[in-house]
Amino acid sequence: MQEEKVHVRLLIVAGVALLWMTAVFGRLGYLQLVRHSTYLTRAQRQQQRTIEITPKRGAIFDRNMHPLAMSVPVESAFAVPNELGENKAMAARLLSGVLGIPRDVLLARFESGGSFVWVLRKLPPDKAEAVRALNLKGVYLQAENQRYYPKRELAAHVLGFVDLDEKGLGGIEYALDVAV
């Protein structure tokens, strides 16, 4: 009688263990065989990023070694909306006052659902310092370069110009742009 109880208990424990192992291996099989591509793309999106680093463009000089085009360091403001949290409206109001961008435009950018939004690119030093002084969580400054033409329109038709991302769009600026 006592041995039968032990035998029955052992069978119950073995049955529960078998049921548990079947559930665990079934779930593992489902995740690895059926949902494989979903989790693979999610992992790649979290672990792999392509960050384009724009090098500083070289200066262009005239025959007397006076600069016609040069890059100067500036800062650009960006925000991470998830880090702003519930303070998106307050951040939009404060940044609007400092940068002169309408509050509703900034709020729309913050609530767009992206994980990264530009607030304003290529800030003058005084505005960059004002953004830094606000010390807002989720709003950061990034160093960039801005093309500067000391002689203004002199040889502009030959020099050409660059876009906001420092890509040459015409003239020497375009011809000497390194293709990657």
Protein backbone atom coordinates (compact mmCIF):
# COMPACT_ATOMS: atom_id res chain seq x y z
CA MET A 1 0.00 0.00 0.00
CA GLN A 2 2.76 2.40 0.98
CA GLU A 3 4.73 1.51 -2.16
CA GLU A 4 1.68 2.17 -4.35
CA LYS A 5 1.30 5.68 -2.89
CA VAL A 6 4.96 6.42 -3.57
CA HIS A 7 4.62 4.97 -7.05
CA VAL A 8 1.50 7.09 -7.76
CA ARG A 9 3.17 10.25 -6.41
CA LEU A 10 6.24 9.58 -8.53
CA LEU A 11 4.04 9.17 -11.61
CA ILE A 12 2.24 12.44 -10.83
CA VAL A 13 5.53 14.32 -10.38
CA ALA A 14 6.91 12.77 -13.58
CA GLY A 15 3.73 13.67 -15.46
CA VAL A 16 3.83 17.30 -14.26
CA ALA A 17 7.54 17.51 -15.17
CA LEU A 18 6.84 16.06 -18.61
CA LEU A 19 3.96 18.48 -19.15
CA TRP A 20 6.14 21.39 -18.04
CA MET A 21 9.02 20.34 -20.32
CA THR A 22 6.62 19.90 -23.25
CA ALA A 23 5.27 23.43 -22.70
CA VAL A 24 8.75 24.95 -22.44
CA PHE A 25 10.14 23.16 -25.50
CA GLY A 26 6.95 23.85 -27.43
CA ARG A 27 7.28 27.57 -26.70
CA LEU A 28 10.97 27.54 -27.61
CA GLY A 29 10.19 25.75 -30.86
CA TYR A 30 7.44 28.26 -31.67
CA LEU A 31 9.73 31.24 -31.00
CA GLN A 32 12.67 29.81 -32.94
CA LEU A 33 10.84 28.30 -35.89
CA VAL A 34 7.69 30.35 -36.39
CA ARG A 35 8.63 33.78 -35.01
CA HIS A 36 12.32 33.67 -36.00
CA SER A 37 12.24 36.46 -38.59
CA THR A 38 10.32 38.83 -36.31
CA TYR A 39 12.82 38.54 -33.49
CA LEU A 40 15.77 38.60 -35.87
CA THR A 41 14.72 41.96 -37.35
CA ARG A 42 13.99 43.34 -33.89
CA ALA A 43 17.44 42.30 -32.65
CA GLN A 44 19.17 43.77 -35.69
CA ARG A 45 17.29 47.04 -35.28
CA GLN A 46 18.37 47.25 -31.63
CA GLN A 47 21.98 46.20 -32.12
CA GLN A 48 23.04 47.51 -35.52
CA ARG A 49 22.98 51.14 -36.51
CA THR A 50 24.49 52.96 -39.41
CA ILE A 51 25.84 56.25 -38.19
CA GLU A 52 27.03 58.50 -40.95
CA ILE A 53 29.97 60.58 -39.82
CA THR A 54 30.54 63.60 -41.99
CA PRO A 55 34.18 64.63 -42.08
CA LYS A 56 35.19 68.25 -42.04
CA ARG A 57 35.39 69.59 -45.57
CA GLY A 58 38.70 71.02 -46.62
CA ALA A 59 39.22 74.71 -47.14
CA ILE A 60 39.35 76.17 -50.67
CA PHE A 61 41.92 78.92 -51.23
CA ASP A 62 42.56 81.46 -53.98
CA ARG A 63 45.98 81.82 -55.61
CA ASN A 64 47.18 84.08 -52.77
CA MET A 65 46.20 81.49 -50.14
CA HIS A 66 43.23 83.53 -48.91
CA PRO A 67 40.34 81.24 -47.96
CA LEU A 68 37.32 81.31 -50.26
CA ALA A 69 35.46 78.51 -48.47
CA MET A 70 36.04 76.93 -45.08
CA SER A 71 34.20 74.87 -42.48
CA VAL A 72 33.55 76.27 -39.04
CA PRO A 73 32.39 74.24 -36.03
CA VAL A 74 28.80 74.83 -34.90
CA GLU A 75 26.30 72.94 -32.77
CA SER A 76 22.90 71.52 -33.64
CA ALA A 77 20.12 70.81 -31.16
CA PHE A 78 18.23 67.52 -31.20
CA ALA A 79 15.78 65.80 -28.91
CA VAL A 80 14.98 62.24 -27.86
CA PRO A 81 11.17 62.38 -27.36
CA ASN A 82 11.10 59.27 -25.13
CA GLU A 83 13.42 60.99 -22.66
CA LEU A 84 11.25 64.12 -22.61
CA GLY A 85 8.38 62.04 -21.24
CA GLU A 86 5.51 64.16 -19.94
CA ASN A 87 7.54 67.37 -20.28
CA LYS A 88 7.16 67.68 -24.06
CA ALA A 89 4.87 70.73 -23.84
CA MET A 90 7.17 72.48 -21.36
CA ALA A 91 10.26 71.70 -23.48
CA ALA A 92 8.48 73.01 -26.59
CA ARG A 93 7.51 76.22 -24.76
CA LEU A 94 11.04 76.84 -23.44
CA LEU A 95 12.79 76.01 -26.71
CA SER A 96 10.29 78.11 -28.64
CA GLY A 97 11.22 81.17 -26.61
CA VAL A 98 14.94 80.62 -27.06
CA LEU A 99 15.05 79.56 -30.71
CA GLY A 100 12.10 81.45 -32.18
CA ILE A 101 10.41 78.32 -33.53
CA PRO A 102 6.61 78.16 -33.03
CA ARG A 103 5.65 76.06 -30.00
CA ASP A 104 3.14 73.93 -31.93
CA VAL A 105 5.79 73.02 -34.54
CA LEU A 106 8.18 71.79 -31.84
CA LEU A 107 5.41 69.92 -30.02
CA ALA A 108 4.41 68.20 -33.28
CA ARG A 109 8.03 67.11 -33.79
CA PHE A 110 8.25 65.76 -30.24
CA GLU A 111 5.00 63.82 -30.59
CA SER A 112 5.78 62.44 -34.05
CA GLY A 113 6.66 59.05 -32.56
CA GLY A 114 10.28 59.05 -33.70
CA SER A 115 13.16 58.18 -31.43
CA PHE A 116 15.19 61.19 -32.63
CA VAL A 117 14.14 64.64 -33.91
CA TRP A 118 16.13 67.67 -34.91
CA VAL A 119 15.15 70.79 -33.00
CA LEU A 120 17.31 73.18 -35.02
CA ARG A 121 20.49 72.61 -36.99
CA LYS A 122 23.56 74.82 -37.30
CA LEU A 123 22.82 77.06 -34.32
CA PRO A 124 24.64 80.36 -33.77
CA PRO A 125 26.85 80.20 -30.66
CA ASP A 126 24.55 82.39 -28.54
CA LYS A 127 21.49 80.21 -29.24
CA ALA A 128 23.49 77.03 -28.61
CA GLU A 129 24.55 78.44 -25.25
CA ALA A 130 20.92 79.36 -24.46
CA VAL A 131 19.78 75.79 -25.23
CA ARG A 132 22.59 74.43 -23.06
CA ALA A 133 21.55 76.78 -20.22
CA LEU A 134 17.99 75.38 -20.30
CA ASN A 135 19.47 72.01 -19.23
CA LEU A 136 16.44 70.07 -20.50
CA LYS A 137 16.45 66.31 -20.08
CA GLY A 138 16.18 64.74 -23.55
CA VAL A 139 17.50 67.79 -25.45
CA TYR A 140 21.12 67.60 -26.56
CA LEU A 141 23.65 69.47 -28.67
CA GLN A 142 25.78 67.82 -31.34
CA ALA A 143 28.92 69.27 -32.90
CA GLU A 144 28.73 69.74 -36.67
CA ASN A 145 30.45 71.83 -39.31
CA GLN A 146 29.00 74.67 -41.34
CA ARG A 147 30.42 75.96 -44.58
CA TYR A 148 31.50 79.59 -44.45
CA TYR A 149 32.46 81.77 -47.42
CA PRO A 150 34.56 84.70 -46.12
CA LYS A 151 34.54 86.55 -49.47
CA ARG A 152 30.77 86.00 -49.84
CA GLU A 153 29.88 86.10 -53.56
CA LEU A 154 33.45 86.22 -54.88
CA ALA A 155 33.83 83.27 -57.30
CA ALA A 156 30.50 81.83 -56.10
CA HIS A 157 29.70 80.58 -59.59
CA VAL A 158 32.92 78.55 -59.57
CA LEU A 159 32.90 77.49 -55.90
CA GLY A 160 29.33 76.25 -55.90
CA PHE A 161 27.61 75.44 -52.61
CA VAL A 162 26.78 72.68 -50.13
CA ASP A 163 23.53 71.55 -48.55
CA LEU A 164 22.69 71.35 -44.85
CA ASP A 165 24.54 68.03 -44.53
CA GLU A 166 27.73 69.41 -46.11
CA LYS A 167 27.24 67.58 -49.42
CA GLY A 168 28.47 69.48 -52.46
CA LEU A 169 25.67 70.53 -54.80
CA GLY A 170 27.47 72.60 -57.38
CA GLY A 171 30.81 73.91 -58.65
CA ILE A 172 34.08 72.93 -57.00
CA GLU A 173 32.21 71.91 -53.85
CA TYR A 174 30.42 69.22 -55.87
CA ALA A 175 33.39 68.25 -58.04
CA LEU A 176 35.67 67.65 -55.04
CA ASP A 177 33.03 65.85 -52.97
CA VAL A 178 34.37 62.39 -52.14
CA ALA A 179 31.92 59.74 -53.29
CA VAL A 180 31.48 56.99 -50.73
